Amino acid sequence: MTVRLGDAVWSGEIDLPPTGDLDVVLDAPPPRPRLHAVLEKGRLRLRWSAGGTVPEQVQFTPRLSPPAWSDLAVVPQRTGDDWTVELPADESAGFYRLVRE
């Protein structure tokens, strides 16, 4: 945790002065987006919340033991507050994930 009091900055364990205004800055990673999948008319649509201006990379693996993740060659499209990609729904089963670069 980082605490700022005026121009002074402390990190880690600190003894705070008894008076004064405090600005507390927490350095935490942004929340992970939740991936939603919809199968419709032979297409698989993946959707997740647009937490930033750059979308996450969509990856695929046919199995989880051991995983062999590979980037999908699709460009996510911004739709309102979400990113979406559409893929052909073929016979192969697999797993998808989002990766921040």
N, C-alpha and C. Protein backbone atom coordinates (compact mmCIF):
# COMPACT_ATOMS: atom_id res chain seq x y z
N MET A 1 0.85 -1.17 0.00
CA MET A 1 0.00 0.00 0.00
C MET A 1 0.89 1.23 0.00
N THR A 2 0.48 2.26 -0.71
CA THR A 2 1.19 3.53 -0.74
C THR A 2 0.29 4.60 -0.13
N VAL A 3 0.84 5.38 0.78
CA VAL A 3 0.09 6.47 1.42
C VAL A 3 0.81 7.77 1.14
N ARG A 4 0.05 8.79 0.74
CA ARG A 4 0.61 10.11 0.50
C ARG A 4 0.05 11.09 1.53
N LEU A 5 0.92 11.84 2.15
CA LEU A 5 0.53 12.90 3.08
C LEU A 5 1.28 14.14 2.65
N GLY A 6 0.54 15.05 2.00
CA GLY A 6 1.21 16.22 1.43
C GLY A 6 2.14 15.78 0.32
N ASP A 7 3.41 16.18 0.41
CA ASP A 7 4.40 15.79 -0.59
C ASP A 7 5.14 14.50 -0.22
N ALA A 8 4.89 13.98 0.98
CA ALA A 8 5.60 12.78 1.43
C ALA A 8 4.85 11.53 0.97
N VAL A 9 5.61 10.51 0.59
CA VAL A 9 5.03 9.24 0.14
C VAL A 9 5.69 8.12 0.93
N TRP A 10 4.86 7.24 1.51
CA TRP A 10 5.35 6.08 2.23
C TRP A 10 4.81 4.82 1.57
N SER A 11 5.61 3.77 1.55
CA SER A 11 5.17 2.47 1.04
C SER A 11 5.43 1.41 2.09
N GLY A 12 4.58 0.40 2.13
CA GLY A 12 4.75 -0.70 3.08
C GLY A 12 4.17 -0.33 4.43
N GLU A 13 4.77 -0.85 5.50
CA GLU A 13 4.30 -0.56 6.85
C GLU A 13 4.79 0.82 7.26
N ILE A 14 3.87 1.63 7.79
CA ILE A 14 4.23 2.99 8.16
C ILE A 14 3.54 3.38 9.45
N ASP A 15 4.10 4.37 10.14
CA ASP A 15 3.47 5.01 11.28
C ASP A 15 2.91 6.33 10.79
N LEU A 16 1.59 6.47 10.80
CA LEU A 16 0.96 7.69 10.30
C LEU A 16 0.96 8.77 11.37
N PRO A 17 1.10 10.04 10.95
CA PRO A 17 1.01 11.13 11.90
C PRO A 17 -0.42 11.21 12.45
N PRO A 18 -0.60 11.76 13.66
CA PRO A 18 -1.93 11.78 14.27
C PRO A 18 -2.93 12.71 13.59
N THR A 19 -2.47 13.70 12.81
CA THR A 19 -3.40 14.62 12.15
C THR A 19 -2.97 14.84 10.71
N GLY A 20 -3.88 15.41 9.92
CA GLY A 20 -3.58 15.74 8.53
C GLY A 20 -4.48 14.99 7.58
N ASP A 21 -4.58 15.51 6.36
CA ASP A 21 -5.37 14.86 5.32
C ASP A 21 -4.55 13.75 4.68
N LEU A 22 -5.22 12.64 4.39
CA LEU A 22 -4.54 11.50 3.78
C LEU A 22 -5.16 11.19 2.43
N ASP A 23 -4.33 10.95 1.43
CA ASP A 23 -4.76 10.40 0.15
C ASP A 23 -4.19 8.99 0.09
N VAL A 24 -5.05 8.00 0.02
CA VAL A 24 -4.59 6.61 -0.03
C VAL A 24 -4.71 6.13 -1.46
N VAL A 25 -3.61 5.61 -2.00
CA VAL A 25 -3.58 5.10 -3.36
C VAL A 25 -3.32 3.60 -3.29
N LEU A 26 -4.25 2.82 -3.80
CA LEU A 26 -4.08 1.37 -3.83
C LEU A 26 -3.71 0.96 -5.25
N ASP A 27 -2.58 0.30 -5.40
CA ASP A 27 -2.15 -0.18 -6.70
C ASP A 27 -2.67 -1.61 -6.87
N ALA A 28 -3.77 -1.74 -7.59
CA ALA A 28 -4.37 -3.05 -7.81
C ALA A 28 -4.61 -3.23 -9.30
N PRO A 29 -4.47 -4.44 -9.81
CA PRO A 29 -4.75 -4.66 -11.22
C PRO A 29 -6.23 -4.48 -11.50
N PRO A 30 -6.59 -4.10 -12.72
CA PRO A 30 -8.01 -3.97 -13.05
C PRO A 30 -8.70 -5.33 -12.94
N PRO A 31 -10.00 -5.33 -12.68
CA PRO A 31 -10.70 -6.62 -12.56
C PRO A 31 -10.67 -7.39 -13.88
N ARG A 32 -10.67 -8.70 -13.77
CA ARG A 32 -10.69 -9.54 -14.97
C ARG A 32 -12.07 -9.50 -15.61
N PRO A 33 -12.11 -9.36 -16.93
CA PRO A 33 -13.42 -9.38 -17.60
C PRO A 33 -14.00 -10.79 -17.60
N ARG A 34 -15.30 -10.88 -17.61
CA ARG A 34 -15.99 -12.17 -17.67
C ARG A 34 -16.35 -12.45 -19.12
N LEU A 35 -15.98 -13.62 -19.61
CA LEU A 35 -16.20 -14.00 -21.00
C LEU A 35 -17.55 -14.70 -21.13
N HIS A 36 -18.40 -14.21 -22.04
CA HIS A 36 -19.71 -14.81 -22.31
C HIS A 36 -19.68 -15.41 -23.72
N ALA A 37 -20.30 -16.57 -23.88
CA ALA A 37 -20.34 -17.23 -25.19
C ALA A 37 -21.79 -17.54 -25.56
N VAL A 38 -22.13 -17.27 -26.83
CA VAL A 38 -23.47 -17.56 -27.35
C VAL A 38 -23.30 -18.27 -28.69
N LEU A 39 -23.97 -19.41 -28.84
CA LEU A 39 -23.96 -20.15 -30.10
C LEU A 39 -25.28 -19.87 -30.80
N GLU A 40 -25.18 -19.33 -32.04
CA GLU A 40 -26.38 -18.93 -32.76
C GLU A 40 -26.14 -19.01 -34.27
N LYS A 41 -27.00 -19.75 -34.95
CA LYS A 41 -26.96 -19.85 -36.42
C LYS A 41 -25.58 -20.23 -36.94
N GLY A 42 -24.96 -21.22 -36.32
CA GLY A 42 -23.67 -21.70 -36.80
C GLY A 42 -22.49 -20.79 -36.49
N ARG A 43 -22.70 -19.81 -35.62
CA ARG A 43 -21.63 -18.88 -35.24
C ARG A 43 -21.49 -18.88 -33.72
N LEU A 44 -20.27 -18.75 -33.25
CA LEU A 44 -19.99 -18.61 -31.83
C LEU A 44 -19.61 -17.15 -31.58
N ARG A 45 -20.38 -16.48 -30.74
CA ARG A 45 -20.10 -15.08 -30.41
C ARG A 45 -19.55 -15.03 -28.99
N LEU A 46 -18.34 -14.47 -28.85
CA LEU A 46 -17.72 -14.26 -27.54
C LEU A 46 -17.82 -12.78 -27.22
N ARG A 47 -18.21 -12.47 -25.97
CA ARG A 47 -18.41 -11.08 -25.56
C ARG A 47 -17.84 -10.90 -24.16
N TRP A 48 -17.20 -9.73 -23.93
CA TRP A 48 -16.71 -9.39 -22.60
C TRP A 48 -16.73 -7.88 -22.43
N SER A 49 -16.74 -7.42 -21.18
CA SER A 49 -16.85 -5.99 -20.90
C SER A 49 -15.60 -5.26 -21.37
N ALA A 50 -15.82 -4.08 -21.92
CA ALA A 50 -14.73 -3.26 -22.45
C ALA A 50 -14.17 -2.42 -21.33
N GLY A 51 -13.20 -2.97 -20.62
CA GLY A 51 -12.60 -2.25 -19.50
C GLY A 51 -11.61 -1.19 -19.93
N GLY A 52 -11.18 -1.21 -21.17
CA GLY A 52 -10.20 -0.24 -21.64
C GLY A 52 -10.34 0.01 -23.12
N THR A 53 -9.41 0.77 -23.66
CA THR A 53 -9.47 1.10 -25.08
C THR A 53 -8.82 0.04 -25.95
N VAL A 54 -8.03 -0.85 -25.34
CA VAL A 54 -7.37 -1.93 -26.08
C VAL A 54 -7.98 -3.25 -25.62
N PRO A 55 -8.51 -4.05 -26.55
CA PRO A 55 -9.14 -5.31 -26.14
C PRO A 55 -8.11 -6.36 -25.74
N GLU A 56 -8.56 -7.30 -24.95
CA GLU A 56 -7.73 -8.45 -24.61
C GLU A 56 -7.58 -9.35 -25.84
N GLN A 57 -6.53 -10.16 -25.84
CA GLN A 57 -6.31 -11.13 -26.91
C GLN A 57 -7.13 -12.38 -26.58
N VAL A 58 -7.86 -12.91 -27.57
CA VAL A 58 -8.61 -14.15 -27.39
C VAL A 58 -7.71 -15.32 -27.77
N GLN A 59 -7.64 -16.32 -26.89
CA GLN A 59 -6.83 -17.50 -27.15
C GLN A 59 -7.71 -18.75 -27.08
N PHE A 60 -7.23 -19.82 -27.74
CA PHE A 60 -7.95 -21.09 -27.83
C PHE A 60 -6.99 -22.24 -27.56
N THR A 61 -7.51 -23.29 -26.90
CA THR A 61 -6.78 -24.55 -26.78
C THR A 61 -7.78 -25.69 -26.91
N PRO A 62 -7.43 -26.76 -27.61
CA PRO A 62 -8.35 -27.88 -27.74
C PRO A 62 -8.43 -28.75 -26.48
N ARG A 63 -7.46 -28.61 -25.58
CA ARG A 63 -7.45 -29.43 -24.36
C ARG A 63 -6.79 -28.63 -23.23
N LEU A 64 -7.04 -29.06 -22.00
CA LEU A 64 -6.45 -28.38 -20.85
C LEU A 64 -5.32 -29.16 -20.20
N SER A 65 -5.11 -30.40 -20.64
CA SER A 65 -4.07 -31.21 -20.04
C SER A 65 -3.23 -31.89 -21.12
N PRO A 66 -2.12 -31.34 -21.51
CA PRO A 66 -1.62 -30.00 -21.18
C PRO A 66 -2.23 -28.98 -22.13
N PRO A 67 -2.38 -27.73 -21.70
CA PRO A 67 -2.94 -26.71 -22.59
C PRO A 67 -1.94 -26.31 -23.67
N ALA A 68 -2.46 -25.94 -24.82
CA ALA A 68 -1.63 -25.44 -25.93
C ALA A 68 -2.30 -24.17 -26.46
N TRP A 69 -2.26 -23.09 -25.66
CA TRP A 69 -2.95 -21.85 -26.00
C TRP A 69 -2.34 -21.21 -27.24
N SER A 70 -3.22 -20.74 -28.13
CA SER A 70 -2.77 -20.00 -29.31
C SER A 70 -3.70 -18.82 -29.54
N ASP A 71 -3.12 -17.71 -30.03
CA ASP A 71 -3.91 -16.52 -30.32
C ASP A 71 -4.84 -16.79 -31.49
N LEU A 72 -6.07 -16.31 -31.40
CA LEU A 72 -6.99 -16.39 -32.52
C LEU A 72 -6.75 -15.21 -33.45
N ALA A 73 -6.83 -15.45 -34.73
CA ALA A 73 -6.59 -14.39 -35.72
C ALA A 73 -7.89 -13.64 -36.00
N VAL A 74 -8.47 -13.08 -34.95
CA VAL A 74 -9.68 -12.27 -35.09
C VAL A 74 -9.44 -10.94 -34.37
N VAL A 75 -10.08 -9.90 -34.87
CA VAL A 75 -9.97 -8.58 -34.26
C VAL A 75 -11.27 -8.29 -33.53
N PRO A 76 -11.23 -8.12 -32.20
CA PRO A 76 -12.45 -7.79 -31.46
C PRO A 76 -13.03 -6.46 -31.92
N GLN A 77 -14.36 -6.39 -31.95
CA GLN A 77 -15.07 -5.18 -32.33
C GLN A 77 -15.73 -4.59 -31.09
N ARG A 78 -15.66 -3.28 -30.96
CA ARG A 78 -16.30 -2.59 -29.83
C ARG A 78 -17.77 -2.42 -30.14
N THR A 79 -18.63 -2.90 -29.24
CA THR A 79 -20.08 -2.78 -29.38
C THR A 79 -20.62 -2.22 -28.08
N GLY A 80 -20.85 -0.92 -28.02
CA GLY A 80 -21.30 -0.30 -26.78
C GLY A 80 -20.26 -0.44 -25.69
N ASP A 81 -20.62 -1.10 -24.59
CA ASP A 81 -19.71 -1.29 -23.47
C ASP A 81 -18.98 -2.62 -23.52
N ASP A 82 -19.05 -3.33 -24.64
CA ASP A 82 -18.46 -4.66 -24.75
C ASP A 82 -17.53 -4.78 -25.95
N TRP A 83 -16.63 -5.76 -25.86
CA TRP A 83 -15.85 -6.23 -27.01
C TRP A 83 -16.51 -7.53 -27.46
N THR A 84 -16.56 -7.78 -28.76
CA THR A 84 -17.12 -9.03 -29.28
C THR A 84 -16.26 -9.57 -30.41
N VAL A 85 -16.27 -10.89 -30.54
CA VAL A 85 -15.71 -11.56 -31.72
C VAL A 85 -16.71 -12.63 -32.13
N GLU A 86 -16.77 -12.89 -33.43
CA GLU A 86 -17.61 -13.97 -33.94
C GLU A 86 -16.73 -14.97 -34.66
N LEU A 87 -16.99 -16.25 -34.39
CA LEU A 87 -16.21 -17.34 -34.95
C LEU A 87 -17.15 -18.36 -35.56
N PRO A 88 -16.70 -19.08 -36.59
CA PRO A 88 -17.53 -20.18 -37.09
C PRO A 88 -17.60 -21.28 -36.05
N ALA A 89 -18.78 -21.83 -35.85
CA ALA A 89 -18.95 -22.94 -34.89
C ALA A 89 -18.76 -24.23 -35.67
N ASP A 90 -17.60 -24.86 -35.49
CA ASP A 90 -17.34 -26.12 -36.18
C ASP A 90 -17.48 -27.28 -35.20
N GLU A 91 -17.09 -28.45 -35.61
CA GLU A 91 -17.27 -29.65 -34.80
C GLU A 91 -16.26 -29.78 -33.66
N SER A 92 -15.15 -29.05 -33.70
CA SER A 92 -14.12 -29.24 -32.69
C SER A 92 -14.49 -28.54 -31.38
N ALA A 93 -14.24 -29.24 -30.29
CA ALA A 93 -14.48 -28.68 -28.96
C ALA A 93 -13.19 -28.04 -28.47
N GLY A 94 -13.30 -27.13 -27.53
CA GLY A 94 -12.11 -26.51 -27.00
C GLY A 94 -12.45 -25.49 -25.93
N PHE A 95 -11.44 -24.72 -25.56
CA PHE A 95 -11.54 -23.76 -24.47
C PHE A 95 -11.02 -22.41 -24.94
N TYR A 96 -11.64 -21.34 -24.45
CA TYR A 96 -11.24 -19.98 -24.79
C TYR A 96 -10.85 -19.24 -23.53
N ARG A 97 -9.94 -18.27 -23.70
CA ARG A 97 -9.59 -17.39 -22.59
C ARG A 97 -9.19 -16.03 -23.15
N LEU A 98 -9.16 -15.03 -22.25
CA LEU A 98 -8.73 -13.68 -22.59
C LEU A 98 -7.39 -13.42 -21.93
N VAL A 99 -6.48 -12.78 -22.66
CA VAL A 99 -5.15 -12.48 -22.14
C VAL A 99 -4.88 -11.00 -22.36
N ARG A 100 -4.48 -10.32 -21.29
CA ARG A 100 -4.07 -8.91 -21.42
C ARG A 100 -2.63 -8.88 -21.86
N GLU A 101 -2.36 -8.05 -22.85
CA GLU A 101 -0.98 -7.96 -23.35
C GLU A 101 -0.24 -6.83 -22.70
